[in-house]
Amino acid sequence: MSDRADATRRSFLKVGAVLAIPGGAVAVPAIAAAADSSARRLARLESEAAIRELHRHWLRGINRGGDVAGLFADPRHAGQDRRIAAIVGDPAGEPDLIQLAADGTRATARYHCVVETVTELVPDCTLTQMKLAQGEHVLRERARRVVEAEYVRGEAGWVIGKVRLA
């Protein structure tokens, strides 16, 4: 019985030794590659979440008529069209698209939305004179548009580079 037990132990050790050499050589790089891939994916997801949150802050500022210059890398790019009264997401539009640069310091995004514009009426014809007489001083229009944004990762996190309505 002891001869058989010794033989079993020896065969177990032999198989373990054979499996340990190639497995150890392959498993460590595979684990490191998987960890590196997971870290890059996590960084990408965190960046996308931060960009979406920054976009929501920008929308709230636009819709409330607040100052959004602090969200931009260069406050001169924060100037908005004064005719824009509101911007809301378009539920019938395509999904938002955020693309990060390979180095992770820049990103672009496209958001499908509905933009409400307000145009002050000028009494240059009878129809507008009638609207002004009835107390309507502005013309409101809603249209589907696409917000195209560029983002830059700064020292404090993501900021808006430029925004334009297409």
N, C-alpha and C. Protein backbone atom coordinates (compact mmCIF):
# COMPACT_ATOMS: atom_id res chain seq x y z
N MET A 1 0.82 -1.19 0.00
CA MET A 1 0.00 0.00 0.00
C MET A 1 0.86 1.25 0.00
N SER A 2 1.97 1.19 0.73
CA SER A 2 2.83 2.36 0.78
C SER A 2 3.53 2.59 -0.55
N ASP A 3 3.83 1.52 -1.32
CA ASP A 3 4.44 1.69 -2.64
C ASP A 3 3.49 2.40 -3.58
N ARG A 4 2.24 2.03 -3.47
CA ARG A 4 1.23 2.65 -4.34
C ARG A 4 1.03 4.12 -3.97
N ALA A 5 1.00 4.44 -2.70
CA ALA A 5 0.84 5.82 -2.24
C ALA A 5 2.03 6.66 -2.68
N ASP A 6 3.24 6.12 -2.60
CA ASP A 6 4.41 6.85 -3.05
C ASP A 6 4.37 7.09 -4.55
N ALA A 7 3.89 6.08 -5.29
CA ALA A 7 3.80 6.23 -6.74
C ALA A 7 2.78 7.30 -7.10
N THR A 8 1.68 7.36 -6.38
CA THR A 8 0.65 8.37 -6.64
C THR A 8 1.19 9.75 -6.34
N ARG A 9 1.91 9.88 -5.23
CA ARG A 9 2.48 11.18 -4.88
C ARG A 9 3.50 11.62 -5.92
N ARG A 10 4.34 10.69 -6.36
CA ARG A 10 5.35 11.04 -7.35
C ARG A 10 4.71 11.47 -8.66
N SER A 11 3.69 10.75 -9.10
CA SER A 11 3.04 11.12 -10.37
C SER A 11 2.33 12.47 -10.24
N PHE A 12 1.78 12.73 -9.07
CA PHE A 12 1.14 14.02 -8.84
C PHE A 12 2.17 15.14 -8.89
N LEU A 13 3.29 14.92 -8.27
CA LEU A 13 4.34 15.93 -8.26
C LEU A 13 4.92 16.15 -9.66
N LYS A 14 5.07 15.06 -10.41
CA LYS A 14 5.59 15.18 -11.77
C LYS A 14 4.64 15.99 -12.64
N VAL A 15 3.37 15.67 -12.58
CA VAL A 15 2.38 16.39 -13.37
C VAL A 15 2.31 17.84 -12.93
N GLY A 16 2.35 18.07 -11.64
CA GLY A 16 2.34 19.44 -11.12
C GLY A 16 3.54 20.24 -11.59
N ALA A 17 4.70 19.61 -11.60
CA ALA A 17 5.91 20.30 -12.05
C ALA A 17 5.83 20.62 -13.53
N VAL A 18 5.33 19.70 -14.32
CA VAL A 18 5.22 19.92 -15.77
C VAL A 18 4.22 21.03 -16.05
N LEU A 19 3.12 21.04 -15.36
CA LEU A 19 2.10 22.06 -15.59
C LEU A 19 2.52 23.43 -15.04
N ALA A 20 3.30 23.43 -14.01
CA ALA A 20 3.67 24.70 -13.38
C ALA A 20 4.59 25.53 -14.26
N ILE A 21 5.48 24.91 -15.00
CA ILE A 21 6.44 25.67 -15.80
C ILE A 21 5.76 26.42 -16.94
N PRO A 22 5.06 25.74 -17.85
CA PRO A 22 4.45 26.51 -18.93
C PRO A 22 3.31 27.40 -18.43
N GLY A 23 2.56 26.92 -17.47
CA GLY A 23 1.44 27.71 -16.97
C GLY A 23 1.90 28.98 -16.30
N GLY A 24 2.96 28.89 -15.54
CA GLY A 24 3.50 30.06 -14.87
C GLY A 24 4.03 31.07 -15.88
N ALA A 25 4.62 30.57 -16.96
CA ALA A 25 5.19 31.46 -17.97
C ALA A 25 4.10 32.17 -18.76
N VAL A 26 2.97 31.52 -18.94
CA VAL A 26 1.89 32.10 -19.73
C VAL A 26 0.89 32.85 -18.86
N ALA A 27 0.63 32.36 -17.67
CA ALA A 27 -0.42 32.94 -16.83
C ALA A 27 -0.08 34.34 -16.36
N VAL A 28 1.15 34.59 -16.01
CA VAL A 28 1.51 35.91 -15.48
C VAL A 28 1.30 37.01 -16.53
N PRO A 29 1.81 36.86 -17.78
CA PRO A 29 1.53 37.91 -18.77
C PRO A 29 0.04 38.02 -19.09
N ALA A 30 -0.66 36.89 -19.10
CA ALA A 30 -2.10 36.94 -19.40
C ALA A 30 -2.84 37.70 -18.31
N ILE A 31 -2.47 37.46 -17.07
CA ILE A 31 -3.12 38.17 -15.96
C ILE A 31 -2.77 39.65 -16.02
N ALA A 32 -1.51 39.95 -16.31
CA ALA A 32 -1.09 41.35 -16.40
C ALA A 32 -1.80 42.05 -17.56
N ALA A 33 -1.94 41.36 -18.69
CA ALA A 33 -2.64 41.95 -19.84
C ALA A 33 -4.11 42.18 -19.52
N ALA A 34 -4.72 41.22 -18.83
CA ALA A 34 -6.13 41.38 -18.46
C ALA A 34 -6.30 42.54 -17.48
N ALA A 35 -5.37 42.67 -16.54
CA ALA A 35 -5.46 43.77 -15.57
C ALA A 35 -5.27 45.11 -16.28
N ASP A 36 -4.33 45.17 -17.23
CA ASP A 36 -4.08 46.39 -17.99
C ASP A 36 -5.30 46.75 -18.83
N SER A 37 -5.90 45.76 -19.47
CA SER A 37 -7.11 45.99 -20.28
C SER A 37 -8.26 46.47 -19.40
N SER A 38 -8.41 45.87 -18.23
CA SER A 38 -9.47 46.28 -17.31
C SER A 38 -9.24 47.70 -16.82
N ALA A 39 -7.99 48.05 -16.55
CA ALA A 39 -7.68 49.41 -16.08
C ALA A 39 -7.98 50.43 -17.17
N ARG A 40 -7.64 50.12 -18.42
CA ARG A 40 -7.94 51.04 -19.53
C ARG A 40 -9.44 51.17 -19.73
N ARG A 41 -10.15 50.07 -19.63
CA ARG A 41 -11.61 50.11 -19.80
C ARG A 41 -12.25 50.92 -18.68
N LEU A 42 -11.78 50.74 -17.47
CA LEU A 42 -12.30 51.50 -16.33
C LEU A 42 -12.03 52.99 -16.51
N ALA A 43 -10.82 53.33 -16.95
CA ALA A 43 -10.48 54.74 -17.18
C ALA A 43 -11.36 55.33 -18.27
N ARG A 44 -11.63 54.56 -19.33
CA ARG A 44 -12.49 55.04 -20.41
C ARG A 44 -13.92 55.26 -19.90
N LEU A 45 -14.44 54.31 -19.13
CA LEU A 45 -15.80 54.45 -18.60
C LEU A 45 -15.91 55.63 -17.64
N GLU A 46 -14.88 55.83 -16.81
CA GLU A 46 -14.90 56.97 -15.89
C GLU A 46 -14.85 58.29 -16.66
N SER A 47 -14.06 58.34 -17.72
CA SER A 47 -13.99 59.56 -18.55
C SER A 47 -15.33 59.83 -19.22
N GLU A 48 -15.96 58.80 -19.77
CA GLU A 48 -17.26 58.98 -20.41
C GLU A 48 -18.30 59.46 -19.41
N ALA A 49 -18.29 58.92 -18.21
CA ALA A 49 -19.24 59.35 -17.18
C ALA A 49 -18.99 60.81 -16.79
N ALA A 50 -17.72 61.20 -16.68
CA ALA A 50 -17.40 62.59 -16.34
C ALA A 50 -17.83 63.54 -17.45
N ILE A 51 -17.66 63.13 -18.70
CA ILE A 51 -18.07 63.96 -19.83
C ILE A 51 -19.58 64.10 -19.87
N ARG A 52 -20.30 63.02 -19.63
CA ARG A 52 -21.77 63.10 -19.59
C ARG A 52 -22.24 64.04 -18.48
N GLU A 53 -21.61 63.97 -17.32
CA GLU A 53 -21.97 64.85 -16.21
C GLU A 53 -21.66 66.31 -16.56
N LEU A 54 -20.53 66.55 -17.19
CA LEU A 54 -20.18 67.90 -17.63
C LEU A 54 -21.20 68.42 -18.64
N HIS A 55 -21.65 67.56 -19.55
CA HIS A 55 -22.67 67.94 -20.53
C HIS A 55 -23.99 68.29 -19.83
N ARG A 56 -24.36 67.52 -18.82
CA ARG A 56 -25.59 67.82 -18.06
C ARG A 56 -25.48 69.17 -17.36
N HIS A 57 -24.31 69.46 -16.77
CA HIS A 57 -24.11 70.78 -16.13
C HIS A 57 -24.24 71.90 -17.16
N TRP A 58 -23.68 71.70 -18.34
CA TRP A 58 -23.77 72.71 -19.40
C TRP A 58 -25.23 72.92 -19.80
N LEU A 59 -25.98 71.81 -19.98
CA LEU A 59 -27.40 71.93 -20.35
C LEU A 59 -28.20 72.67 -19.28
N ARG A 60 -27.96 72.33 -18.02
CA ARG A 60 -28.68 73.03 -16.94
C ARG A 60 -28.36 74.52 -16.96
N GLY A 61 -27.10 74.87 -17.17
CA GLY A 61 -26.72 76.28 -17.25
C GLY A 61 -27.38 77.00 -18.41
N ILE A 62 -27.43 76.35 -19.56
CA ILE A 62 -28.07 76.94 -20.74
C ILE A 62 -29.57 77.12 -20.48
N ASN A 63 -30.21 76.08 -19.96
CA ASN A 63 -31.66 76.12 -19.76
C ASN A 63 -32.09 77.09 -18.67
N ARG A 64 -31.22 77.35 -17.70
CA ARG A 64 -31.55 78.29 -16.62
C ARG A 64 -31.07 79.71 -16.94
N GLY A 65 -30.36 79.86 -18.05
CA GLY A 65 -29.84 81.18 -18.40
C GLY A 65 -28.65 81.57 -17.55
N GLY A 66 -27.99 80.58 -16.96
CA GLY A 66 -26.85 80.86 -16.09
C GLY A 66 -25.54 81.01 -16.85
N ASP A 67 -24.51 81.28 -16.11
CA ASP A 67 -23.18 81.45 -16.68
C ASP A 67 -22.51 80.08 -16.79
N VAL A 68 -22.13 79.70 -18.01
CA VAL A 68 -21.49 78.41 -18.24
C VAL A 68 -20.01 78.56 -18.59
N ALA A 69 -19.47 79.77 -18.49
CA ALA A 69 -18.08 80.02 -18.88
C ALA A 69 -17.10 79.20 -18.06
N GLY A 70 -17.41 78.90 -16.81
CA GLY A 70 -16.52 78.12 -15.97
C GLY A 70 -16.37 76.67 -16.40
N LEU A 71 -17.24 76.20 -17.28
CA LEU A 71 -17.17 74.82 -17.76
C LEU A 71 -16.24 74.68 -18.97
N PHE A 72 -15.77 75.81 -19.50
CA PHE A 72 -14.97 75.80 -20.73
C PHE A 72 -13.49 75.98 -20.42
N ALA A 73 -12.66 75.38 -21.26
CA ALA A 73 -11.21 75.56 -21.14
C ALA A 73 -10.86 77.01 -21.42
N ASP A 74 -11.50 77.61 -22.42
CA ASP A 74 -11.32 79.02 -22.76
C ASP A 74 -12.69 79.68 -22.66
N PRO A 75 -12.93 80.53 -21.66
CA PRO A 75 -14.26 81.13 -21.47
C PRO A 75 -14.78 81.89 -22.69
N ARG A 76 -13.89 82.29 -23.60
CA ARG A 76 -14.36 82.99 -24.81
C ARG A 76 -15.21 82.08 -25.70
N HIS A 77 -15.04 80.76 -25.57
CA HIS A 77 -15.84 79.82 -26.36
C HIS A 77 -17.20 79.53 -25.74
N ALA A 78 -17.46 80.13 -24.58
CA ALA A 78 -18.72 79.87 -23.88
C ALA A 78 -19.87 80.72 -24.39
N GLY A 79 -19.59 81.69 -25.25
CA GLY A 79 -20.66 82.56 -25.75
C GLY A 79 -21.73 81.75 -26.44
N GLN A 80 -22.95 81.92 -26.01
CA GLN A 80 -24.04 81.17 -26.61
C GLN A 80 -24.94 82.09 -27.41
N ASP A 81 -25.62 81.50 -28.33
CA ASP A 81 -26.60 82.22 -29.13
C ASP A 81 -27.73 82.66 -28.19
N ARG A 82 -27.95 83.94 -28.07
CA ARG A 82 -28.96 84.46 -27.14
C ARG A 82 -30.38 84.06 -27.54
N ARG A 83 -30.56 83.58 -28.76
CA ARG A 83 -31.88 83.15 -29.17
C ARG A 83 -32.25 81.78 -28.59
N ILE A 84 -31.28 81.03 -28.07
CA ILE A 84 -31.56 79.70 -27.53
C ILE A 84 -32.22 79.84 -26.17
N ALA A 85 -33.43 79.31 -26.07
CA ALA A 85 -34.16 79.37 -24.80
C ALA A 85 -33.98 78.07 -24.02
N ALA A 86 -33.89 76.94 -24.72
CA ALA A 86 -33.77 75.65 -24.03
C ALA A 86 -33.19 74.60 -24.98
N ILE A 87 -32.50 73.65 -24.38
CA ILE A 87 -32.00 72.49 -25.11
C ILE A 87 -32.34 71.27 -24.27
N VAL A 88 -33.02 70.31 -24.87
CA VAL A 88 -33.36 69.07 -24.17
C VAL A 88 -32.97 67.89 -25.06
N GLY A 89 -32.71 66.76 -24.42
CA GLY A 89 -32.38 65.55 -25.17
C GLY A 89 -33.54 65.13 -26.05
N ASP A 90 -33.21 64.58 -27.20
CA ASP A 90 -34.23 64.11 -28.13
C ASP A 90 -34.42 62.61 -27.94
N PRO A 91 -35.54 62.20 -27.32
CA PRO A 91 -35.74 60.77 -27.08
C PRO A 91 -35.88 59.97 -28.38
N ALA A 92 -36.25 60.62 -29.46
CA ALA A 92 -36.38 59.92 -30.74
C ALA A 92 -35.09 59.96 -31.55
N GLY A 93 -34.10 60.67 -31.06
CA GLY A 93 -32.83 60.79 -31.78
C GLY A 93 -31.93 59.60 -31.55
N GLU A 94 -30.81 59.61 -32.24
CA GLU A 94 -29.82 58.55 -32.08
C GLU A 94 -29.18 58.64 -30.70
N PRO A 95 -28.61 57.55 -30.22
CA PRO A 95 -27.94 57.60 -28.91
C PRO A 95 -26.74 58.54 -28.93
N ASP A 96 -26.40 59.05 -27.75
CA ASP A 96 -25.23 59.91 -27.63
C ASP A 96 -23.99 59.13 -28.04
N LEU A 97 -23.04 59.83 -28.62
CA LEU A 97 -21.80 59.20 -29.06
C LEU A 97 -20.62 59.99 -28.49
N ILE A 98 -19.81 59.33 -27.67
CA ILE A 98 -18.62 59.94 -27.09
C ILE A 98 -17.42 59.13 -27.56
N GLN A 99 -16.45 59.83 -28.16
CA GLN A 99 -15.23 59.16 -28.64
C GLN A 99 -14.03 59.79 -27.95
N LEU A 100 -13.26 58.95 -27.27
CA LEU A 100 -12.05 59.41 -26.59
C LEU A 100 -10.85 59.23 -27.50
N ALA A 101 -9.92 60.18 -27.43
CA ALA A 101 -8.66 60.06 -28.16
C ALA A 101 -7.84 58.94 -27.53
N ALA A 102 -6.90 58.39 -28.28
CA ALA A 102 -6.09 57.28 -27.80
C ALA A 102 -5.30 57.64 -26.54
N ASP A 103 -4.86 58.90 -26.44
CA ASP A 103 -4.07 59.29 -25.27
C ASP A 103 -4.94 59.65 -24.07
N GLY A 104 -6.26 59.72 -24.24
CA GLY A 104 -7.18 59.98 -23.14
C GLY A 104 -7.24 61.43 -22.68
N THR A 105 -6.69 62.36 -23.46
CA THR A 105 -6.70 63.77 -23.04
C THR A 105 -7.71 64.59 -23.80
N ARG A 106 -8.29 64.06 -24.85
CA ARG A 106 -9.28 64.77 -25.66
C ARG A 106 -10.44 63.84 -25.97
N ALA A 107 -11.59 64.44 -26.23
CA ALA A 107 -12.76 63.66 -26.59
C ALA A 107 -13.68 64.51 -27.45
N THR A 108 -14.50 63.85 -28.26
CA THR A 108 -15.55 64.51 -29.02
C THR A 108 -16.85 63.80 -28.72
N ALA A 109 -17.95 64.52 -28.87
CA ALA A 109 -19.26 63.93 -28.59
C ALA A 109 -20.31 64.53 -29.51
N ARG A 110 -21.33 63.73 -29.75
CA ARG A 110 -22.51 64.17 -30.52
C ARG A 110 -23.75 63.79 -29.72
N TYR A 111 -24.60 64.80 -29.49
CA TYR A 111 -25.83 64.60 -28.74
C TYR A 111 -27.00 65.07 -29.60
N HIS A 112 -27.96 64.21 -29.81
CA HIS A 112 -29.16 64.61 -30.54
C HIS A 112 -30.11 65.26 -29.54
N CYS A 113 -30.64 66.41 -29.92
CA CYS A 113 -31.45 67.18 -28.98
C CYS A 113 -32.53 67.98 -29.72
N VAL A 114 -33.38 68.61 -28.93
CA VAL A 114 -34.39 69.52 -29.44
C VAL A 114 -34.05 70.90 -28.87
N VAL A 115 -33.92 71.86 -29.77
CA VAL A 115 -33.53 73.22 -29.38
C VAL A 115 -34.72 74.14 -29.56
N GLU A 116 -35.01 74.91 -28.52
CA GLU A 116 -36.07 75.91 -28.61
C GLU A 116 -35.40 77.28 -28.72
N THR A 117 -35.75 77.98 -29.79
CA THR A 117 -35.20 79.32 -30.00
C THR A 117 -36.29 80.36 -29.84
N VAL A 118 -35.87 81.56 -29.46
CA VAL A 118 -36.79 82.67 -29.27
C VAL A 118 -36.26 83.84 -30.10
N THR A 119 -37.12 84.37 -30.95
CA THR A 119 -36.75 85.51 -31.79
C THR A 119 -37.66 86.67 -31.45
N GLU A 120 -37.07 87.80 -31.14
CA GLU A 120 -37.85 89.00 -30.83
C GLU A 120 -38.55 89.49 -32.10
N LEU A 121 -39.83 89.78 -31.98
CA LEU A 121 -40.59 90.26 -33.14
C LEU A 121 -40.31 91.74 -33.40
N VAL A 122 -40.16 92.06 -34.65
CA VAL A 122 -39.93 93.44 -35.08
C VAL A 122 -41.17 93.89 -35.85
N PRO A 123 -41.73 95.03 -35.50
CA PRO A 123 -42.99 95.46 -36.16
C PRO A 123 -42.75 95.96 -37.59
N ASP A 124 -42.33 95.04 -38.47
CA ASP A 124 -42.05 95.45 -39.84
C ASP A 124 -43.16 95.07 -40.82
N CYS A 125 -44.17 94.36 -40.33
CA CYS A 125 -45.30 94.05 -41.21
C CYS A 125 -46.57 93.99 -40.36
N THR A 126 -47.69 93.92 -41.01
CA THR A 126 -48.98 93.94 -40.33
C THR A 126 -49.14 92.75 -39.41
N LEU A 127 -48.70 91.58 -39.85
CA LEU A 127 -48.86 90.38 -39.04
C LEU A 127 -48.08 90.49 -37.72
N THR A 128 -46.86 90.95 -37.77
CA THR A 128 -46.10 91.09 -36.51
C THR A 128 -46.66 92.23 -35.66
N GLN A 129 -47.18 93.27 -36.27
CA GLN A 129 -47.80 94.36 -35.51
C GLN A 129 -49.02 93.82 -34.76
N MET A 130 -49.79 92.92 -35.41
CA MET A 130 -50.95 92.32 -34.75
C MET A 130 -50.52 91.44 -33.58
N LYS A 131 -49.46 90.64 -33.78
CA LYS A 131 -48.96 89.78 -32.69
C LYS A 131 -48.48 90.63 -31.52
N LEU A 132 -47.78 91.73 -31.81
CA LEU A 132 -47.32 92.62 -30.74
C LEU A 132 -48.49 93.25 -30.01
N ALA A 133 -49.54 93.60 -30.74
CA ALA A 133 -50.73 94.20 -30.12
C ALA A 133 -51.43 93.19 -29.21
N GLN A 134 -51.30 91.89 -29.51
CA GLN A 134 -51.93 90.86 -28.70
C GLN A 134 -51.04 90.42 -27.53
N GLY A 135 -49.88 91.06 -27.39
CA GLY A 135 -49.00 90.76 -26.26
C GLY A 135 -47.92 89.73 -26.55
N GLU A 136 -47.85 89.27 -27.78
CA GLU A 136 -46.80 88.31 -28.13
C GLU A 136 -45.60 89.08 -28.67
N HIS A 137 -44.50 89.04 -27.94
CA HIS A 137 -43.33 89.82 -28.32
C HIS A 137 -42.21 88.96 -28.91
N VAL A 138 -42.39 87.63 -28.86
CA VAL A 138 -41.36 86.74 -29.38
C VAL A 138 -42.00 85.62 -30.20
N LEU A 139 -41.19 85.07 -31.07
CA LEU A 139 -41.57 83.91 -31.86
C LEU A 139 -40.77 82.73 -31.35
N ARG A 140 -41.44 81.68 -30.89
CA ARG A 140 -40.77 80.49 -30.36
C ARG A 140 -40.81 79.39 -31.41
N GLU A 141 -39.64 78.77 -31.62
CA GLU A 141 -39.54 77.66 -32.56
C GLU A 141 -38.77 76.52 -31.91
N ARG A 142 -39.18 75.29 -32.23
CA ARG A 142 -38.47 74.10 -31.76
C ARG A 142 -38.01 73.31 -32.97
N ALA A 143 -36.77 72.83 -32.90
CA ALA A 143 -36.21 72.06 -34.01
C ALA A 143 -35.23 71.02 -33.46
N ARG A 144 -35.17 69.89 -34.17
CA ARG A 144 -34.19 68.85 -33.82
C ARG A 144 -32.84 69.29 -34.34
N ARG A 145 -31.84 69.20 -33.47
CA ARG A 145 -30.47 69.59 -33.83
C ARG A 145 -29.50 68.59 -33.22
N VAL A 146 -28.25 68.73 -33.57
CA VAL A 146 -27.19 67.90 -33.01
C VAL A 146 -26.18 68.83 -32.34
N VAL A 147 -25.87 68.56 -31.08
CA VAL A 147 -24.83 69.30 -30.38
C VAL A 147 -23.52 68.53 -30.59
N GLU A 148 -22.55 69.21 -31.18
CA GLU A 148 -21.22 68.62 -31.36
C GLU A 148 -20.28 69.32 -30.39
N ALA A 149 -19.64 68.54 -29.54
CA ALA A 149 -18.79 69.12 -28.49
C ALA A 149 -17.40 68.50 -28.53
N GLU A 150 -16.42 69.33 -28.17
CA GLU A 150 -15.04 68.88 -28.00
C GLU A 150 -14.69 69.08 -26.54
N TYR A 151 -14.02 68.10 -25.96
CA TYR A 151 -13.64 68.15 -24.55
C TYR A 151 -12.13 67.98 -24.41
N VAL A 152 -11.60 68.57 -23.35
CA VAL A 152 -10.18 68.49 -23.05
C VAL A 152 -10.03 68.12 -21.58
N ARG A 153 -9.11 67.20 -21.31
CA ARG A 153 -8.85 66.84 -19.91
C ARG A 153 -7.82 67.82 -19.36
N GLY A 154 -8.23 68.58 -18.35
CA GLY A 154 -7.34 69.54 -17.71
C GLY A 154 -6.81 68.98 -16.41
N GLU A 155 -6.13 69.81 -15.66
CA GLU A 155 -5.58 69.38 -14.37
C GLU A 155 -6.69 69.03 -13.39
N ALA A 156 -7.80 69.75 -13.47
CA ALA A 156 -8.91 69.52 -12.54
C ALA A 156 -9.95 68.54 -13.08
N GLY A 157 -9.72 68.00 -14.26
CA GLY A 157 -10.67 67.07 -14.86
C GLY A 157 -11.07 67.55 -16.24
N TRP A 158 -12.19 67.05 -16.72
CA TRP A 158 -12.66 67.36 -18.07
C TRP A 158 -13.29 68.74 -18.11
N VAL A 159 -13.03 69.48 -19.19
CA VAL A 159 -13.65 70.77 -19.47
C VAL A 159 -14.06 70.78 -20.94
N ILE A 160 -14.94 71.71 -21.28
CA ILE A 160 -15.43 71.81 -22.66
C ILE A 160 -14.44 72.66 -23.47
N GLY A 161 -14.07 72.14 -24.63
CA GLY A 161 -13.23 72.91 -25.54
C GLY A 161 -14.09 73.84 -26.38
N LYS A 162 -15.00 73.25 -27.15
CA LYS A 162 -15.92 74.00 -28.00
C LYS A 162 -17.24 73.25 -28.10
N VAL A 163 -18.29 74.00 -28.35
CA VAL A 163 -19.62 73.42 -28.59
C VAL A 163 -20.22 74.12 -29.78
N ARG A 164 -20.85 73.33 -30.64
CA ARG A 164 -21.56 73.94 -31.76
C ARG A 164 -22.81 73.14 -32.06
N LEU A 165 -23.83 73.86 -32.54
CA LEU A 165 -25.07 73.21 -32.94
C LEU A 165 -25.04 72.97 -34.43
N ALA A 166 -25.27 71.73 -34.83
CA ALA A 166 -25.28 71.38 -36.26
C ALA A 166 -26.71 71.15 -36.70
